[in-house]
């Protein structure tokens, strides 16, 4: 799961065993960033792994704004889509080199 800072374009990459823990990892990352004093706005597609009831309640409680992009419109989420592509290409290259 890549997370990209919209201002500095710094990226964090988390490797996870399943999509079921995506929301938990996102909340953990948000807690760490809030602890450092950062203001957080989350831009995401409409993935239910990120925007479920417990995460939404946490985001509302701590003042994190969540903005979702329209379905099937990857152009609105270009920075994240590019980060996904780079991660996929580099991972594929590492797997090919390992064999």
PDB file of N, CA and C in Angstrom:
ATOM      1  N   UNK A   1       0.853  -1.164   0.000  1.00  0.00           N
ATOM      2  CA  UNK A   1       0.000   0.000   0.000  1.00  0.00           C
ATOM      3  C   UNK A   1       0.900   1.228   0.000  1.00  0.00           C
ATOM      4  N   UNK A   2       0.915   1.978  -1.087  1.00  0.00           N
ATOM      5  CA  UNK A   2       1.693   3.214  -1.096  1.00  0.00           C
ATOM      6  C   UNK A   2       0.870   4.383  -0.551  1.00  0.00           C
ATOM      7  N   UNK A   3       1.537   5.248   0.190  1.00  0.00           N
ATOM      8  CA  UNK A   3       0.941   6.498   0.653  1.00  0.00           C
ATOM      9  C   UNK A   3       1.854   7.605   0.160  1.00  0.00           C
ATOM     10  N   UNK A   4       1.295   8.618  -0.494  1.00  0.00           N
ATOM     11  CA  UNK A   4       2.082   9.705  -1.057  1.00  0.00           C
ATOM     12  C   UNK A   4       1.664  11.025  -0.448  1.00  0.00           C
ATOM     13  N   UNK A   5       2.648  11.796   0.024  1.00  0.00           N
ATOM     14  CA  UNK A   5       2.389  13.140   0.521  1.00  0.00           C
ATOM     15  C   UNK A   5       2.166  14.049  -0.682  1.00  0.00           C
ATOM     16  N   UNK A   6       1.025  14.706  -0.728  1.00  0.00           N
ATOM     17  CA  UNK A   6       0.672  15.541  -1.867  1.00  0.00           C
ATOM     18  C   UNK A   6       1.543  16.767  -2.036  1.00  0.00           C
ATOM     19  N   UNK A   7       2.143  17.256  -0.972  1.00  0.00           N
ATOM     20  CA  UNK A   7       2.962  18.468  -1.055  1.00  0.00           C
ATOM     21  C   UNK A   7       4.408  18.145  -1.434  1.00  0.00           C
ATOM     22  N   UNK A   8       5.026  17.239  -0.701  1.00  0.00           N
ATOM     23  CA  UNK A   8       6.440  16.929  -0.937  1.00  0.00           C
ATOM     24  C   UNK A   8       6.636  15.738  -1.877  1.00  0.00           C
ATOM     25  N   UNK A   9       5.581  14.980  -2.123  1.00  0.00           N
ATOM     26  CA  UNK A   9       5.603  13.744  -2.916  1.00  0.00           C
ATOM     27  C   UNK A   9       6.450  12.653  -2.258  1.00  0.00           C
ATOM     28  N   UNK A  10       6.701  12.782  -0.964  1.00  0.00           N
ATOM     29  CA  UNK A  10       7.365  11.712  -0.224  1.00  0.00           C
ATOM     30  C   UNK A  10       6.421  10.519  -0.179  1.00  0.00           C
ATOM     31  N   UNK A  11       7.002   9.322  -0.272  1.00  0.00           N
ATOM     32  CA  UNK A  11       6.167   8.127  -0.307  1.00  0.00           C
ATOM     33  C   UNK A  11       6.532   7.163   0.808  1.00  0.00           C
ATOM     34  N   UNK A  12       5.514   6.500   1.315  1.00  0.00           N
ATOM     35  CA  UNK A  12       5.653   5.408   2.268  1.00  0.00           C
ATOM     36  C   UNK A  12       5.064   4.183   1.592  1.00  0.00           C
ATOM     37  N   UNK A  13       5.715   3.051   1.729  1.00  0.00           N
ATOM     38  CA  UNK A  13       5.217   1.823   1.117  1.00  0.00           C
ATOM     39  C   UNK A  13       5.099   0.755   2.191  1.00  0.00           C
ATOM     40  N   UNK A  14       3.916   0.193   2.313  1.00  0.00           N
ATOM     41  CA  UNK A  14       3.654  -0.864   3.282  1.00  0.00           C
ATOM     42  C   UNK A  14       3.285  -2.126   2.519  1.00  0.00           C
ATOM     43  N   UNK A  15       3.982  -3.211   2.796  1.00  0.00           N
ATOM     44  CA  UNK A  15       3.617  -4.493   2.200  1.00  0.00           C
ATOM     45  C   UNK A  15       2.737  -5.230   3.204  1.00  0.00           C
ATOM     46  N   UNK A  16       1.622  -5.711   2.724  1.00  0.00           N
ATOM     47  CA  UNK A  16       0.625  -6.334   3.592  1.00  0.00           C
ATOM     48  C   UNK A  16       0.261  -7.710   3.059  1.00  0.00           C
ATOM     49  N   UNK A  17      -0.171  -8.576   3.955  1.00  0.00           N
ATOM     50  CA  UNK A  17      -0.544  -9.934   3.564  1.00  0.00           C
ATOM     51  C   UNK A  17      -1.885  -9.997   2.846  1.00  0.00           C
ATOM     52  N   UNK A  18      -2.804  -9.105   3.203  1.00  0.00           N
ATOM     53  CA  UNK A  18      -4.122  -9.133   2.574  1.00  0.00           C
ATOM     54  C   UNK A  18      -4.728  -7.732   2.574  1.00  0.00           C
ATOM     55  N   UNK A  19      -5.734  -7.560   1.749  1.00  0.00           N
ATOM     56  CA  UNK A  19      -6.421  -6.267   1.673  1.00  0.00           C
ATOM     57  C   UNK A  19      -7.223  -5.977   2.939  1.00  0.00           C
ATOM     58  N   UNK A  20      -7.488  -7.005   3.723  1.00  0.00           N
ATOM     59  CA  UNK A  20      -8.306  -6.840   4.926  1.00  0.00           C
ATOM     60  C   UNK A  20      -7.643  -5.935   5.958  1.00  0.00           C
ATOM     61  N   UNK A  21      -6.320  -5.837   5.941  1.00  0.00           N
ATOM     62  CA  UNK A  21      -5.616  -5.027   6.943  1.00  0.00           C
ATOM     63  C   UNK A  21      -5.232  -3.639   6.424  1.00  0.00           C
ATOM     64  N   UNK A  22      -5.657  -3.293   5.217  1.00  0.00           N
ATOM     65  CA  UNK A  22      -5.335  -1.975   4.659  1.00  0.00           C
ATOM     66  C   UNK A  22      -5.837  -0.841   5.545  1.00  0.00           C
ATOM     67  N   UNK A  23      -7.076  -0.936   5.973  1.00  0.00           N
ATOM     68  CA  UNK A  23      -7.664   0.117   6.801  1.00  0.00           C
ATOM     69  C   UNK A  23      -6.951   0.272   8.124  1.00  0.00           C
ATOM     70  N   UNK A  24      -6.585  -0.856   8.740  1.00  0.00           N
ATOM     71  CA  UNK A  24      -5.862  -0.809  10.013  1.00  0.00           C
ATOM     72  C   UNK A  24      -4.502  -0.144   9.838  1.00  0.00           C
ATOM     73  N   UNK A  25      -3.817  -0.459   8.743  1.00  0.00           N
ATOM     74  CA  UNK A  25      -2.504   0.136   8.485  1.00  0.00           C
ATOM     75  C   UNK A  25      -2.637   1.634   8.226  1.00  0.00           C
ATOM     76  N   UNK A  26      -3.670   2.030   7.504  1.00  0.00           N
ATOM     77  CA  UNK A  26      -3.892   3.447   7.235  1.00  0.00           C
ATOM     78  C   UNK A  26      -4.140   4.213   8.529  1.00  0.00           C
ATOM     79  N   UNK A  27      -4.946   3.659   9.415  1.00  0.00           N
ATOM     80  CA  UNK A  27      -5.216   4.307  10.704  1.00  0.00           C
ATOM     81  C   UNK A  27      -3.932   4.404  11.525  1.00  0.00           C
ATOM     82  N   UNK A  28      -3.115   3.359  11.529  1.00  0.00           N
ATOM     83  CA  UNK A  28      -1.843   3.390  12.261  1.00  0.00           C
ATOM     84  C   UNK A  28      -0.934   4.483  11.719  1.00  0.00           C
ATOM     85  N   UNK A  29      -0.867   4.600  10.395  1.00  0.00           N
ATOM     86  CA  UNK A  29      -0.044   5.640   9.775  1.00  0.00           C
ATOM     87  C   UNK A  29      -0.573   7.028  10.136  1.00  0.00           C
ATOM     88  N   UNK A  30      -1.891   7.192  10.099  1.00  0.00           N
ATOM     89  CA  UNK A  30      -2.495   8.486  10.452  1.00  0.00           C
ATOM     90  C   UNK A  30      -2.181   8.863  11.898  1.00  0.00           C
ATOM     91  N   UNK A  31      -2.247   7.900  12.799  1.00  0.00           N
ATOM     92  CA  UNK A  31      -1.924   8.167  14.207  1.00  0.00           C
ATOM     93  C   UNK A  31      -0.478   8.624  14.349  1.00  0.00           C
ATOM     94  N   UNK A  32       0.430   7.976  13.623  1.00  0.00           N
ATOM     95  CA  UNK A  32       1.841   8.358  13.687  1.00  0.00           C
ATOM     96  C   UNK A  32       2.058   9.768  13.145  1.00  0.00           C
ATOM     97  N   UNK A  33       1.403  10.101  12.039  1.00  0.00           N
ATOM     98  CA  UNK A  33       1.565  11.430  11.447  1.00  0.00           C
ATOM     99  C   UNK A  33       0.899  12.506  12.299  1.00  0.00           C
ATOM    100  N   UNK A  34      -0.265  12.199  12.866  1.00  0.00           N
ATOM    101  CA  UNK A  34      -0.931  13.153  13.767  1.00  0.00           C
ATOM    102  C   UNK A  34      -0.065  13.404  14.995  1.00  0.00           C
ATOM    103  N   UNK A  35       0.618  12.363  15.482  1.00  0.00           N
ATOM    104  CA  UNK A  35       1.514  12.500  16.618  1.00  0.00           C
ATOM    105  C   UNK A  35       2.676  13.436  16.331  1.00  0.00           C
ATOM    106  N   UNK A  36       3.041  13.559  15.053  1.00  0.00           N
ATOM    107  CA  UNK A  36       4.111  14.473  14.647  1.00  0.00           C
ATOM    108  C   UNK A  36       3.579  15.863  14.314  1.00  0.00           C
ATOM    109  N   UNK A  37       2.266  16.046  14.436  1.00  0.00           N
ATOM    110  CA  UNK A  37       1.675  17.361  14.222  1.00  0.00           C
ATOM    111  C   UNK A  37       1.240  17.670  12.805  1.00  0.00           C
ATOM    112  N   UNK A  38       1.165  16.673  11.941  1.00  0.00           N
ATOM    113  CA  UNK A  38       0.763  16.905  10.559  1.00  0.00           C
ATOM    114  C   UNK A  38      -0.751  17.006  10.428  1.00  0.00           C
ATOM    115  N   UNK A  39      -1.199  17.840   9.509  1.00  0.00           N
ATOM    116  CA  UNK A  39      -2.603  17.904   9.122  1.00  0.00           C
ATOM    117  C   UNK A  39      -2.794  16.902   7.990  1.00  0.00           C
ATOM    118  N   UNK A  40      -3.839  16.106   8.073  1.00  0.00           N
ATOM    119  CA  UNK A  40      -4.008  15.020   7.108  1.00  0.00           C
ATOM    120  C   UNK A  40      -5.324  15.164   6.360  1.00  0.00           C
ATOM    121  N   UNK A  41      -5.236  15.072   5.041  1.00  0.00           N
ATOM    122  CA  UNK A  41      -6.393  14.908   4.175  1.00  0.00           C
ATOM    123  C   UNK A  41      -6.115  13.670   3.332  1.00  0.00           C
ATOM    124  N   UNK A  42      -7.032  12.746   3.311  1.00  0.00           N
ATOM    125  CA  UNK A  42      -6.850  11.500   2.572  1.00  0.00           C
ATOM    126  C   UNK A  42      -7.638  11.588   1.272  1.00  0.00           C
ATOM    127  N   UNK A  43      -6.938  11.383   0.154  1.00  0.00           N
ATOM    128  CA  UNK A  43      -7.567  11.300  -1.158  1.00  0.00           C
ATOM    129  C   UNK A  43      -7.489   9.845  -1.588  1.00  0.00           C
ATOM    130  N   UNK A  44      -8.612   9.256  -1.882  1.00  0.00           N
ATOM    131  CA  UNK A  44      -8.639   7.837  -2.233  1.00  0.00           C
ATOM    132  C   UNK A  44      -9.744   7.568  -3.250  1.00  0.00           C
ATOM    133  N   UNK A  45      -9.663   6.401  -3.865  1.00  0.00           N
ATOM    134  CA  UNK A  45     -10.795   5.968  -4.668  1.00  0.00           C
ATOM    135  C   UNK A  45     -11.856   5.463  -3.691  1.00  0.00           C
ATOM    136  N   UNK A  46     -12.869   4.843  -4.174  1.00  0.00           N
ATOM    137  CA  UNK A  46     -13.966   4.419  -3.301  1.00  0.00           C
ATOM    138  C   UNK A  46     -13.743   3.035  -2.700  1.00  0.00           C
ATOM    139  N   UNK A  47     -12.495   2.685  -2.423  1.00  0.00           N
ATOM    140  CA  UNK A  47     -12.182   1.366  -1.870  1.00  0.00           C
ATOM    141  C   UNK A  47     -12.756   1.223  -0.466  1.00  0.00           C
ATOM    142  N   UNK A  48     -13.530   0.184  -0.265  1.00  0.00           N
ATOM    143  CA  UNK A  48     -14.165  -0.052   1.034  1.00  0.00           C
ATOM    144  C   UNK A  48     -13.148  -0.425   2.111  1.00  0.00           C
ATOM    145  N   UNK A  49     -11.962  -0.866   1.700  1.00  0.00           N
ATOM    146  CA  UNK A  49     -10.937  -1.203   2.684  1.00  0.00           C
ATOM    147  C   UNK A  49     -10.500   0.037   3.466  1.00  0.00           C
ATOM    148  N   UNK A  50     -10.540   1.194   2.811  1.00  0.00           N
ATOM    149  CA  UNK A  50     -10.122   2.440   3.448  1.00  0.00           C
ATOM    150  C   UNK A  50     -11.268   3.144   4.151  1.00  0.00           C
ATOM    151  N   UNK A  51     -12.419   3.143   3.521  1.00  0.00           N
ATOM    152  CA  UNK A  51     -13.550   3.924   4.023  1.00  0.00           C
ATOM    153  C   UNK A  51     -14.615   2.983   4.574  1.00  0.00           C
ATOM    154  N   UNK A  52     -14.341   2.391   5.719  1.00  0.00           N
ATOM    155  CA  UNK A  52     -15.362   1.583   6.378  1.00  0.00           C
ATOM    156  C   UNK A  52     -15.852   2.336   7.609  1.00  0.00           C
ATOM    157  N   UNK A  53     -16.811   1.786   8.308  1.00  0.00           N
ATOM    158  CA  UNK A  53     -17.458   2.513   9.412  1.00  0.00           C
ATOM    159  C   UNK A  53     -16.485   2.859  10.535  1.00  0.00           C
ATOM    160  N   UNK A  54     -15.637   1.914  10.920  1.00  0.00           N
ATOM    161  CA  UNK A  54     -14.726   2.194  12.041  1.00  0.00           C
ATOM    162  C   UNK A  54     -13.662   3.219  11.657  1.00  0.00           C
ATOM    163  N   UNK A  55     -13.131   3.118  10.429  1.00  0.00           N
ATOM    164  CA  UNK A  55     -12.151   4.112   9.989  1.00  0.00           C
ATOM    165  C   UNK A  55     -12.786   5.485   9.859  1.00  0.00           C
ATOM    166  N   UNK A  56     -13.990   5.540   9.290  1.00  0.00           N
ATOM    167  CA  UNK A  56     -14.673   6.821   9.128  1.00  0.00           C
ATOM    168  C   UNK A  56     -14.922   7.469  10.485  1.00  0.00           C
ATOM    169  N   UNK A  57     -15.298   6.669  11.471  1.00  0.00           N
ATOM    170  CA  UNK A  57     -15.517   7.202  12.815  1.00  0.00           C
ATOM    171  C   UNK A  57     -14.211   7.770  13.380  1.00  0.00           C
ATOM    172  N   UNK A  58     -13.103   7.054  13.196  1.00  0.00           N
ATOM    173  CA  UNK A  58     -11.807   7.548  13.673  1.00  0.00           C
ATOM    174  C   UNK A  58     -11.437   8.848  12.968  1.00  0.00           C
ATOM    175  N   UNK A  59     -11.581   8.880  11.634  1.00  0.00           N
ATOM    176  CA  UNK A  59     -11.226  10.080  10.883  1.00  0.00           C
ATOM    177  C   UNK A  59     -12.054  11.276  11.334  1.00  0.00           C
ATOM    178  N   UNK A  60     -13.350  11.070  11.545  1.00  0.00           N
ATOM    179  CA  UNK A  60     -14.222  12.154  12.012  1.00  0.00           C
ATOM    180  C   UNK A  60     -13.821  12.629  13.407  1.00  0.00           C
ATOM    181  N   UNK A  61     -13.441  11.699  14.270  1.00  0.00           N
ATOM    182  CA  UNK A  61     -13.080  12.035  15.649  1.00  0.00           C
ATOM    183  C   UNK A  61     -11.829  12.903  15.720  1.00  0.00           C
ATOM    184  N   UNK A  62     -10.818  12.584  14.907  1.00  0.00           N
ATOM    185  CA  UNK A  62      -9.549  13.311  14.985  1.00  0.00           C
ATOM    186  C   UNK A  62      -9.429  14.422  13.945  1.00  0.00           C
ATOM    187  N   UNK A  63     -10.462  14.618  13.130  1.00  0.00           N
ATOM    188  CA  UNK A  63     -10.467  15.729  12.181  1.00  0.00           C
ATOM    189  C   UNK A  63      -9.708  15.479  10.893  1.00  0.00           C
ATOM    190  N   UNK A  64      -9.700  14.241  10.424  1.00  0.00           N
ATOM    191  CA  UNK A  64      -9.066  13.918   9.149  1.00  0.00           C
ATOM    192  C   UNK A  64     -10.132  13.961   8.066  1.00  0.00           C
ATOM    193  N   UNK A  65      -9.881  14.772   7.036  1.00  0.00           N
ATOM    194  CA  UNK A  65     -10.829  14.875   5.921  1.00  0.00           C
ATOM    195  C   UNK A  65     -10.546  13.756   4.920  1.00  0.00           C
ATOM    196  N   UNK A  66     -11.593  13.109   4.448  1.00  0.00           N
ATOM    197  CA  UNK A  66     -11.467  12.050   3.449  1.00  0.00           C
ATOM    198  C   UNK A  66     -12.185  12.501   2.186  1.00  0.00           C
ATOM    199  N   UNK A  67     -11.445  12.532   1.075  1.00  0.00           N
ATOM    200  CA  UNK A  67     -11.996  12.930  -0.217  1.00  0.00           C
ATOM    201  C   UNK A  67     -11.876  11.734  -1.148  1.00  0.00           C
ATOM    202  N   UNK A  68     -12.988  11.323  -1.739  1.00  0.00           N
ATOM    203  CA  UNK A  68     -12.959  10.188  -2.660  1.00  0.00           C
ATOM    204  C   UNK A  68     -13.088  10.677  -4.091  1.00  0.00           C
ATOM    205  N   UNK A  69     -12.390   9.990  -4.996  1.00  0.00           N
ATOM    206  CA  UNK A  69     -12.475  10.340  -6.408  1.00  0.00           C
ATOM    207  C   UNK A  69     -13.662   9.620  -7.032  1.00  0.00           C
ATOM    208  N   UNK A  70     -14.157  10.139  -8.149  1.00  0.00           N
ATOM    209  CA  UNK A  70     -15.274   9.464  -8.820  1.00  0.00           C
ATOM    210  C   UNK A  70     -14.860   8.065  -9.289  1.00  0.00           C
ATOM    211  N   UNK A  71     -15.802   7.133  -9.319  1.00  0.00           N
ATOM    212  CA  UNK A  71     -15.472   5.774  -9.768  1.00  0.00           C
ATOM    213  C   UNK A  71     -14.977   5.756 -11.213  1.00  0.00           C
ATOM    214  N   UNK A  72     -14.005   4.897 -11.472  1.00  0.00           N
ATOM    215  CA  UNK A  72     -13.468   4.673 -12.819  1.00  0.00           C
ATOM    216  C   UNK A  72     -12.864   5.929 -13.430  1.00  0.00           C
ATOM    217  N   UNK A  73     -12.283   6.799 -12.616  1.00  0.00           N
ATOM    218  CA  UNK A  73     -11.646   8.014 -13.121  1.00  0.00           C
ATOM    219  C   UNK A  73     -10.261   8.132 -12.497  1.00  0.00           C
ATOM    220  N   UNK A  74      -9.318   7.345 -13.000  1.00  0.00           N
ATOM    221  CA  UNK A  74      -7.970   7.308 -12.433  1.00  0.00           C
ATOM    222  C   UNK A  74      -7.213   8.613 -12.642  1.00  0.00           C
ATOM    223  N   UNK A  75      -7.641   9.440 -13.586  1.00  0.00           N
ATOM    224  CA  UNK A  75      -6.922  10.684 -13.854  1.00  0.00           C
ATOM    225  C   UNK A  75      -7.010  11.661 -12.694  1.00  0.00           C
ATOM    226  N   UNK A  76      -8.009  11.557 -11.870  1.00  0.00           N
ATOM    227  CA  UNK A  76      -8.146  12.446 -10.709  1.00  0.00           C
ATOM    228  C   UNK A  76      -7.211  12.051  -9.575  1.00  0.00           C
ATOM    229  N   UNK A  77      -6.647  10.868  -9.669  1.00  0.00           N
ATOM    230  CA  UNK A  77      -5.790  10.341  -8.617  1.00  0.00           C
ATOM    231  C   UNK A  77      -4.430   9.986  -9.221  1.00  0.00           C
ATOM    232  N   UNK A  78      -3.919  10.881 -10.081  1.00  0.00           N
ATOM    233  CA  UNK A  78      -2.739  10.601 -10.882  1.00  0.00           C
ATOM    234  C   UNK A  78      -1.480  10.293 -10.105  1.00  0.00           C
ATOM    235  N   UNK A  79      -1.206  11.050  -9.043  1.00  0.00           N
ATOM    236  CA  UNK A  79       0.017  10.828  -8.265  1.00  0.00           C
ATOM    237  C   UNK A  79       0.002   9.435  -7.646  1.00  0.00           C
ATOM    238  N   UNK A  80      -1.121   9.045  -7.076  1.00  0.00           N
ATOM    239  CA  UNK A  80      -1.221   7.720  -6.457  1.00  0.00           C
ATOM    240  C   UNK A  80      -1.153   6.618  -7.508  1.00  0.00           C
ATOM    241  N   UNK A  81      -1.806   6.823  -8.648  1.00  0.00           N
ATOM    242  CA  UNK A  81      -1.777   5.809  -9.701  1.00  0.00           C
ATOM    243  C   UNK A  81      -0.357   5.626 -10.229  1.00  0.00           C
ATOM    244  N   UNK A  82       0.382   6.721 -10.362  1.00  0.00           N
ATOM    245  CA  UNK A  82       1.764   6.631 -10.825  1.00  0.00           C
ATOM    246  C   UNK A  82       2.620   5.898  -9.794  1.00  0.00           C
ATOM    247  N   UNK A  83       2.405   6.187  -8.514  1.00  0.00           N
ATOM    248  CA  UNK A  83       3.142   5.498  -7.450  1.00  0.00           C
ATOM    249  C   UNK A  83       2.867   4.000  -7.502  1.00  0.00           C
ATOM    250  N   UNK A  84       1.619   3.627  -7.757  1.00  0.00           N
ATOM    251  CA  UNK A  84       1.274   2.209  -7.883  1.00  0.00           C
ATOM    252  C   UNK A  84       2.016   1.574  -9.054  1.00  0.00           C
ATOM    253  N   UNK A  85       2.078   2.283 -10.184  1.00  0.00           N
ATOM    254  CA  UNK A  85       2.766   1.764 -11.358  1.00  0.00           C
ATOM    255  C   UNK A  85       4.254   1.578 -11.123  1.00  0.00           C
ATOM    256  N   UNK A  86       4.887   2.560 -10.477  1.00  0.00           N
ATOM    257  CA  UNK A  86       6.318   2.462 -10.180  1.00  0.00           C
ATOM    258  C   UNK A  86       6.586   1.294  -9.240  1.00  0.00           C
ATOM    259  N   UNK A  87       5.762   1.166  -8.209  1.00  0.00           N
ATOM    260  CA  UNK A  87       5.930   0.066  -7.251  1.00  0.00           C
ATOM    261  C   UNK A  87       5.780  -1.279  -7.946  1.00  0.00           C
ATOM    262  N   UNK A  88       4.787  -1.402  -8.808  1.00  0.00           N
ATOM    263  CA  UNK A  88       4.561  -2.655  -9.535  1.00  0.00           C
ATOM    264  C   UNK A  88       5.747  -2.989 -10.434  1.00  0.00           C
ATOM    265  N   UNK A  89       6.253  -1.989 -11.170  1.00  0.00           N
ATOM    266  CA  UNK A  89       7.387  -2.221 -12.065  1.00  0.00           C
ATOM    267  C   UNK A  89       8.635  -2.649 -11.299  1.00  0.00           C
ATOM    268  N   UNK A  90       8.920  -1.974 -10.193  1.00  0.00           N
ATOM    269  CA  UNK A  90      10.120  -2.302  -9.419  1.00  0.00           C
ATOM    270  C   UNK A  90       9.996  -3.669  -8.747  1.00  0.00           C
ATOM    271  N   UNK A  91       8.808  -3.990  -8.273  1.00  0.00           N
ATOM    272  CA  UNK A  91       8.598  -5.298  -7.650  1.00  0.00           C
ATOM    273  C   UNK A  91       8.749  -6.405  -8.682  1.00  0.00           C
ATOM    274  N   UNK A  92       8.174  -6.200  -9.851  1.00  0.00           N
ATOM    275  CA  UNK A  92       8.293  -7.191 -10.925  1.00  0.00           C
ATOM    276  C   UNK A  92       9.764  -7.395 -11.286  1.00  0.00           C
ATOM    277  N   UNK A  93      10.517  -6.299 -11.414  1.00  0.00           N
ATOM    278  CA  UNK A  93      11.942  -6.399 -11.731  1.00  0.00           C
ATOM    279  C   UNK A  93      12.720  -7.161 -10.672  1.00  0.00           C
ATOM    280  N   UNK A  94      12.407  -6.909  -9.403  1.00  0.00           N
ATOM    281  CA  UNK A  94      13.090  -7.610  -8.313  1.00  0.00           C
ATOM    282  C   UNK A  94      12.764  -9.098  -8.333  1.00  0.00           C
ATOM    283  N   UNK A  95      11.510  -9.443  -8.623  1.00  0.00           N
ATOM    284  CA  UNK A  95      11.122 -10.856  -8.680  1.00  0.00           C
ATOM    285  C   UNK A  95      11.785 -11.573  -9.849  1.00  0.00           C
ATOM    286  N   UNK A  96      11.876 -10.906 -10.991  1.00  0.00           N
ATOM    287  CA  UNK A  96      12.535 -11.508 -12.155  1.00  0.00           C
ATOM    288  C   UNK A  96      14.019 -11.702 -11.874  1.00  0.00           C
ATOM    289  N   UNK A  97      14.647 -10.707 -11.261  1.00  0.00           N
ATOM    290  CA  UNK A  97      16.077 -10.800 -10.950  1.00  0.00           C
ATOM    291  C   UNK A  97      16.362 -11.888  -9.917  1.00  0.00           C
ATOM    292  N   UNK A  98      15.401 -12.151  -9.035  1.00  0.00           N
ATOM    293  CA  UNK A  98      15.598 -13.160  -7.988  1.00  0.00           C
ATOM    294  C   UNK A  98      15.550 -14.578  -8.545  1.00  0.00           C
ATOM    295  N   UNK A  99      14.918 -14.749  -9.698  1.00  0.00           N
ATOM    296  CA  UNK A  99      14.814 -16.095 -10.283  1.00  0.00           C
ATOM    297  C   UNK A  99      15.997 -16.322 -11.129  1.00  0.00           C
TER     298      UNK A  99
END
